[in-house]
Structure formats: structure tokens, C-alpha cells
Protein backbone atom coordinates (compact mmCIF):
# COMPACT_ATOMS: atom_id res chain seq x y z
CA MET A 1 -13.06 5.43 -19.45
CA THR A 2 -12.92 4.84 -15.76
CA THR A 3 -12.38 1.42 -14.27
CA LEU A 4 -14.92 2.11 -11.57
CA LEU A 5 -17.71 2.88 -14.02
CA HIS A 6 -16.93 0.34 -16.71
CA ASP A 7 -15.63 -2.68 -14.79
CA PHE A 8 -16.67 -2.47 -11.17
CA TRP A 9 -20.08 -0.81 -11.24
CA PRO A 10 -21.83 -3.56 -13.30
CA VAL A 11 -20.48 -6.38 -11.13
CA PHE A 12 -21.32 -4.42 -7.96
CA VAL A 13 -24.92 -3.98 -9.13
CA ALA A 14 -25.15 -7.65 -10.13
CA GLY A 15 -23.90 -8.63 -6.67
CA LEU A 16 -26.36 -6.20 -5.07
CA LEU A 17 -29.32 -7.69 -6.93
CA ILE A 18 -28.23 -11.28 -6.35
CA GLY A 19 -27.58 -10.54 -2.66
CA GLY A 20 -30.98 -8.94 -2.22
CA LEU A 21 -32.73 -11.84 -3.91
CA ALA A 22 -30.73 -14.51 -2.05
CA GLY A 23 -31.26 -12.76 1.27
CA THR A 24 -34.99 -12.38 0.70
CA ILE A 25 -35.43 -16.02 -0.29
CA GLY A 26 -33.13 -17.31 2.44
CA LEU A 27 -34.76 -15.29 5.23
CA TYR A 28 -38.29 -15.97 4.06
CA ARG A 29 -37.80 -19.73 3.62
CA HIS A 30 -35.50 -20.09 6.66
CA LYS A 31 -32.75 -21.66 4.53
CA LEU A 32 -30.24 -18.87 4.75
CA ALA A 33 -27.06 -20.96 4.43
CA LEU A 34 -28.17 -22.57 1.18
CA ALA A 35 -29.37 -19.25 -0.24
CA LEU A 36 -26.08 -17.57 0.71
CA ALA A 37 -23.99 -20.31 -0.88
CA ILE A 38 -26.00 -20.19 -4.10
CA GLY A 39 -25.95 -16.37 -4.07
CA VAL A 40 -22.17 -16.16 -3.66
CA ALA A 41 -21.71 -18.72 -6.45
CA LEU A 42 -24.04 -16.74 -8.71
CA SER A 43 -22.22 -13.48 -7.93
CA ILE A 44 -18.87 -15.02 -8.80
CA ALA A 45 -20.32 -16.60 -11.95
CA ALA A 46 -21.85 -13.29 -13.05
CA THR A 47 -18.51 -11.57 -12.50
CA TRP A 48 -16.66 -14.20 -14.52
CA ILE A 49 -19.19 -13.89 -17.36
CA TRP A 50 -18.82 -10.09 -17.33
CA HIS A 51 -15.03 -10.34 -17.22
CA GLY A 52 -14.53 -13.01 -19.86
CA PRO A 53 -17.29 -13.93 -22.32
CA ALA A 54 -18.98 -10.50 -22.19
CA GLY A 55 -15.65 -8.92 -23.11
CA ALA A 56 -15.17 -6.35 -20.35
CA ALA A 57 -11.56 -7.39 -19.73
CA ASP A 58 -10.64 -7.19 -23.41
CA HIS A 59 -12.32 -3.81 -23.75
CA PHE A 60 -10.48 -2.52 -20.69
CA ALA A 61 -7.12 -3.80 -21.97
CA ARG A 62 -7.63 -2.38 -25.47
CA THR A 63 -8.66 1.02 -24.13
CA ALA A 64 -5.83 1.33 -21.59
CA GLU A 65 -3.18 0.18 -24.09
CA ARG A 66 -4.57 2.52 -26.78
CA GLN A 67 -4.39 5.48 -24.38
CA ALA A 68 -0.83 4.55 -23.46
CA ARG A 69 0.15 4.24 -27.15
CA GLU A 70 -1.40 7.64 -27.92
CA ALA A 71 0.53 9.21 -25.05
CA LEU A 72 3.78 7.61 -26.21
CA ASP A 73 3.15 8.88 -29.72
CA HIS A 74 2.44 12.34 -28.32
CA TYR A 75 5.80 12.30 -26.51
CA GLU A 76 7.46 11.00 -29.71
CA MET A 77 8.69 7.82 -28.04
CA THR A 78 7.73 5.41 -30.79
CA LYS A 79 10.26 2.73 -29.81
CA VAL A 80 8.83 2.38 -26.31
CA THR A 81 5.89 0.00 -25.93
CA ALA A 82 3.30 -0.25 -23.17
CA HIS A 83 1.05 -3.21 -22.45
CA LEU A 84 -0.94 -4.47 -19.49
CA HIS A 85 0.38 -7.46 -17.62
CA ARG A 86 -1.50 -10.54 -18.81
CA GLY A 87 -1.83 -14.09 -17.62
CA PRO A 88 -3.90 -13.13 -15.61
CA LEU A 89 -4.85 -9.62 -16.67
CA THR A 90 -3.92 -6.98 -14.11
CA ARG A 91 -4.13 -3.19 -14.05
CA ARG A 92 -0.32 -2.93 -14.08
CA LEU A 93 1.21 -1.34 -17.19
CA ILE A 94 4.54 -2.81 -18.34
CA LEU A 95 6.80 -0.45 -20.30
CA SER A 96 9.65 -1.64 -22.48
CA GLY A 97 12.05 -0.14 -24.98
CA PRO A 98 15.02 2.23 -25.13
CA ALA A 99 14.92 5.12 -22.67
CA ASP A 100 17.39 6.80 -20.33
CA ASP A 101 16.98 6.93 -16.55
CA TRP A 102 15.16 10.27 -16.51
CA GLN A 103 12.73 9.16 -19.23
CA ARG A 104 12.07 5.91 -17.40
CA GLY A 105 11.20 7.70 -14.18
CA GLU A 106 8.96 10.23 -15.89
CA LEU A 107 7.19 7.63 -18.01
CA VAL A 108 6.45 5.54 -14.93
CA ARG A 109 5.06 8.63 -13.19
CA LEU A 110 2.97 9.67 -16.20
CA PHE A 111 1.61 6.25 -17.08
CA SER A 112 0.63 5.51 -13.49
CA GLN A 113 -1.96 8.26 -14.01
CA VAL A 114 -3.63 6.64 -17.03
CA PRO A 115 -7.28 5.95 -16.11
CA GLY A 116 -7.68 2.35 -14.97
CA VAL A 117 -3.96 1.68 -14.53
CA SER A 118 -2.91 0.94 -10.96
CA SER A 119 0.82 1.36 -11.58
CA ALA A 120 3.40 1.43 -14.35
CA THR A 121 6.78 -0.27 -14.27
CA TRP A 122 9.67 -1.27 -16.50
CA SER A 123 9.97 -4.78 -15.04
CA ASP A 124 7.61 -7.74 -15.08
CA ASP A 125 8.55 -8.95 -11.58
CA ASP A 126 5.43 -8.41 -9.48
CA PRO A 127 2.28 -8.71 -11.60
CA GLY A 128 -0.06 -7.34 -8.92
CA LEU A 129 -3.62 -8.34 -8.13
CA PRO A 130 -5.56 -9.84 -11.07
CA LEU A 131 -8.42 -7.73 -12.40
CA LEU A 132 -10.84 -10.64 -12.00
CA VAL A 133 -10.07 -10.83 -8.26
CA GLU A 134 -10.73 -7.09 -7.90
CA GLU A 135 -14.04 -7.49 -9.76
CA VAL A 136 -15.06 -10.47 -7.59
CA ALA A 137 -14.34 -8.37 -4.49
CA GLY A 138 -16.61 -5.64 -5.90
CA ALA A 139 -19.36 -8.17 -6.63
CA LEU A 140 -19.11 -9.64 -3.12
CA ALA A 141 -19.29 -6.14 -1.62
CA GLY A 142 -22.48 -5.58 -3.61
CA PHE A 143 -23.74 -9.00 -2.51
CA LEU A 144 -23.21 -8.13 1.15
CA LEU A 145 -24.98 -4.79 0.73
CA GLY A 146 -27.90 -6.53 -1.00
CA LEU A 147 -28.00 -9.05 1.82
CA LEU A 148 -28.14 -6.22 4.36
CA VAL A 149 -31.01 -4.56 2.50
CA ALA A 150 -32.90 -7.87 2.36
CA TYR A 151 -32.35 -8.34 6.09
CA LEU A 152 -33.66 -4.85 6.88
CA VAL A 153 -36.73 -5.39 4.70
CA GLN A 154 -37.38 -8.74 6.36
CA LEU A 155 -36.90 -7.18 9.79
CA ARG A 156 -39.43 -4.48 8.97
CA ARG A 157 -41.90 -7.08 7.65
CA ARG A 158 -41.62 -9.09 10.87
CA TYR A 159 -41.95 -5.99 13.01
CA ASN A 160 -45.05 -4.85 11.16
CA ALA A 161 -46.60 -8.34 11.36
CA GLN A 162 -47.21 -7.91 15.10
CA TRP A 163 -49.66 -5.10 14.51
CA THR A 164 -53.17 -6.34 13.72
CA TRP A 165 -55.42 -3.38 14.13
């Protein structure tokens, strides 16, 4: 499982499609501000639906925590637990349990490399950036790219409209 493929790619494509559609409608009808506002709202709504009701966040959390548990079992550290920071869900893995200083350092290094995890730590001080905010940023990047494509298509249509042979 990669976070890019499972979490960010669908919201990026949704933003791309919504941006292309909003840009086409806004440029064609000359109501770009309204189309942009509705498009951004739809991109954020689509991201929230993907993150929450569609279950992408729960699937991501289950998969990352399962991989961490399997790795802990492999290293025979059954008293150590690993879970993602929640409330809101982030990509930061929180470790807890009995371990000496060397084990703590190595576990942080190893679990920072789990696919989808941004960092691992033994403290719950700084939760990091929420996963939903990262997904919204991906959707808005797709929206802007879709808007650019719609603008280029509209520009080509206007350029070709001057030729009447």
C-alpha cells in the first residue's frame, strides 16, 4: 500500500475532473468566479467523502497499524504498541511500551519507513498535519491543473474561431 496511490491519487483525479469542468463552464459562460467557488467547494466535498464516508482513512489506518504490528511481532516486541495519531488522523505513528534507549531509537528509525507513515515517535506532543488537510491539498492541486487544461482548451477554441476559411 502506498499513500500516494491509495489516498492521494483518487482525490487528485477528482480535483482534476472538477477543475476541468468548472473551468470549461466558467470560461464559456463568462462566470469564472462563481464556477471557481463551486468547483473548489465540490473538490473539498469530494475529498471529505473519500476520506470519511467512503472509508479511505479507516483503510489507511488499519493497513498502517497492521504493518506496524506485524513488524513488532517479527522483532518479538509484543509489549510495544504502535498506532496512528488520531483526532484528527495523521500519518504520524505513536509507539508506546517498554523499551530501552537503543530500541527506542531503532524502532523510530524503522517505523518511519513504513509505507504511508510520515514519522514515528514515542511521544504524542506534536500530532503533525492531518491526513484530510494533505488530501485536500492534493485535490486542490488537481483542481488547479484541471483549470489550466480548461483554460488552454478554451484559448485554443478562441484562437481557432478567428479562422473562417
